[in-house]
Amino acid sequence: MSTLVRCIRPENFEEEVMKEKETLLVVCMPRDEEFHKQLELIEYFAKSYNQTLKVGVLDEEFIEPFKKQYGVEGTPTFLILVEGREKGRLLGLADKDALCNLISKFEEGFTFRGLRDS
């Protein structure tokens, strides 16, 4: 996992999510066969939005408590949070367009650097 993508666990949840004043994209997803493709996608967004968007992935053992707290019924789910408050969500596997649309709905000040596809 990229250093730009934070691993969110019970012990750092308060600091990384509840106290985070910047917009945070959180990925709630088990480590299944699709996980690495989705991880590559969010790493792309972490690099593209650089300083204006923080990105986190839930530790697999923290998924169930997080789902209960946020009313997440399925995975993968991508949530936009600010200070722990939900601003938006996307249920299901994502692509660049879907995540870009989700993020742009909730934060006008983002600087998207639009990295080139490799």
Protein backbone atom coordinates (compact mmCIF):
# COMPACT_ATOMS: atom_id res chain seq x y z
CA MET A 1 0.00 0.00 0.00
CA SER A 2 1.27 3.46 -0.91
CA THR A 3 2.47 5.81 1.81
CA LEU A 4 -0.21 8.22 0.56
CA VAL A 5 -2.94 5.75 1.56
CA ARG A 6 -3.53 5.40 5.28
CA CYS A 7 -4.53 2.15 6.94
CA ILE A 8 -7.39 2.90 9.33
CA ARG A 9 -7.55 0.74 12.45
CA PRO A 10 -9.43 1.01 15.75
CA GLU A 11 -6.38 2.52 17.44
CA ASN A 12 -5.96 5.36 14.91
CA PHE A 13 -9.63 5.87 13.95
CA GLU A 14 -10.12 8.90 16.20
CA GLU A 15 -7.06 10.70 14.81
CA GLU A 16 -7.34 9.64 11.16
CA VAL A 17 -11.11 9.96 10.75
CA MET A 18 -12.92 11.76 13.56
CA LYS A 19 -10.40 14.59 13.96
CA GLU A 20 -9.46 14.90 10.27
CA LYS A 21 -10.58 18.32 9.04
CA GLU A 22 -9.56 17.63 5.43
CA THR A 23 -11.78 15.63 3.11
CA LEU A 24 -11.10 11.92 3.50
CA LEU A 25 -11.94 9.14 1.05
CA VAL A 26 -12.35 5.90 3.02
CA VAL A 27 -12.52 2.51 1.33
CA CYS A 28 -14.46 -0.22 3.10
CA MET A 29 -13.57 -3.42 1.28
CA PRO A 30 -12.47 -6.96 2.17
CA ARG A 31 -9.23 -8.28 0.72
CA ASP A 32 -10.82 -10.25 -2.10
CA GLU A 33 -9.75 -10.77 -5.72
CA GLU A 34 -10.84 -7.23 -6.69
CA PHE A 35 -9.07 -5.49 -3.81
CA HIS A 36 -5.73 -4.87 -5.55
CA LYS A 37 -7.39 -3.27 -8.59
CA GLN A 38 -9.39 -0.95 -6.34
CA LEU A 39 -6.27 -0.20 -4.28
CA GLU A 40 -4.41 0.83 -7.44
CA LEU A 41 -7.32 3.13 -8.28
CA ILE A 42 -7.36 4.87 -4.90
CA GLU A 43 -3.58 5.18 -4.95
CA TYR A 44 -4.00 6.97 -8.28
CA PHE A 45 -6.46 9.39 -6.64
CA ALA A 46 -4.21 9.87 -3.62
CA LYS A 47 -1.40 10.92 -5.98
CA SER A 48 -3.65 12.93 -8.30
CA TYR A 49 -5.31 14.96 -5.58
CA ASN A 50 -2.05 15.10 -3.63
CA GLN A 51 -2.45 17.59 -0.77
CA THR A 52 -6.19 18.22 -1.10
CA LEU A 53 -7.62 14.74 -0.48
CA LYS A 54 -6.63 12.20 2.14
CA VAL A 55 -7.25 8.55 1.37
CA GLY A 56 -7.65 5.64 3.78
CA VAL A 57 -8.36 1.93 3.61
CA LEU A 58 -9.95 0.12 6.51
CA ASP A 59 -7.92 -2.60 8.13
CA GLU A 60 -9.77 -5.82 7.36
CA GLU A 61 -10.46 -6.55 11.04
CA PHE A 62 -12.03 -3.08 11.43
CA ILE A 63 -14.51 -3.42 8.53
CA GLU A 64 -17.43 -4.88 10.53
CA PRO A 65 -17.37 -2.31 13.38
CA PHE A 66 -17.03 0.49 10.80
CA LYS A 67 -19.96 -0.88 8.77
CA LYS A 68 -22.15 -0.82 11.88
CA GLN A 69 -21.10 2.70 12.83
CA TYR A 70 -21.74 4.14 9.34
CA GLY A 71 -24.63 1.93 8.25
CA VAL A 72 -22.67 0.36 5.41
CA GLU A 73 -24.66 -2.54 4.00
CA GLY A 74 -22.34 -3.78 1.26
CA THR A 75 -18.77 -3.71 0.11
CA PRO A 76 -16.89 -2.25 -1.47
CA THR A 77 -18.15 1.11 -0.26
CA PHE A 78 -16.29 4.38 -0.78
CA LEU A 79 -17.17 7.14 1.70
CA ILE A 80 -16.33 10.83 1.70
CA LEU A 81 -15.90 12.00 5.31
CA VAL A 82 -14.98 15.27 6.99
CA GLU A 83 -14.37 15.15 10.76
CA GLY A 84 -16.04 11.75 10.79
CA ARG A 85 -19.24 13.04 9.17
CA GLU A 86 -20.34 11.41 5.97
CA LYS A 87 -20.63 13.70 2.95
CA GLY A 88 -21.22 11.02 0.32
CA ARG A 89 -20.82 7.39 -0.61
CA LEU A 90 -20.48 5.07 -3.55
CA LEU A 91 -21.45 1.41 -3.28
CA GLY A 92 -19.82 -1.17 -5.51
CA LEU A 93 -16.65 -1.50 -7.52
CA ALA A 94 -15.45 1.88 -8.72
CA ASP A 95 -13.69 3.23 -11.78
CA LYS A 96 -11.92 6.56 -12.28
CA ASP A 97 -15.03 8.36 -13.54
CA ALA A 98 -17.26 7.17 -10.69
CA LEU A 99 -14.76 8.18 -8.01
CA CYS A 100 -14.02 11.50 -9.71
CA ASN A 101 -17.75 12.26 -9.79
CA LEU A 102 -18.16 11.30 -6.13
CA ILE A 103 -15.26 13.46 -5.00
CA SER A 104 -16.16 16.46 -7.14
CA LYS A 105 -19.73 16.56 -5.74
CA PHE A 106 -18.50 17.21 -2.24
CA GLU A 107 -15.42 19.36 -2.56
CA GLU A 108 -15.03 22.23 -4.98
CA GLY A 109 -11.51 23.20 -3.95
CA PHE A 110 -9.73 20.05 -5.05
CA THR A 111 -6.71 20.28 -7.26
CA PHE A 112 -6.74 17.26 -9.55
CA ARG A 113 -3.36 16.85 -11.16
CA GLY A 114 -4.61 14.25 -13.65
CA LEU A 115 -1.70 11.85 -13.71
CA ARG A 116 -1.12 10.07 -16.95
CA ASP A 117 -2.21 6.47 -17.13
CA SER A 118 0.69 4.09 -17.25
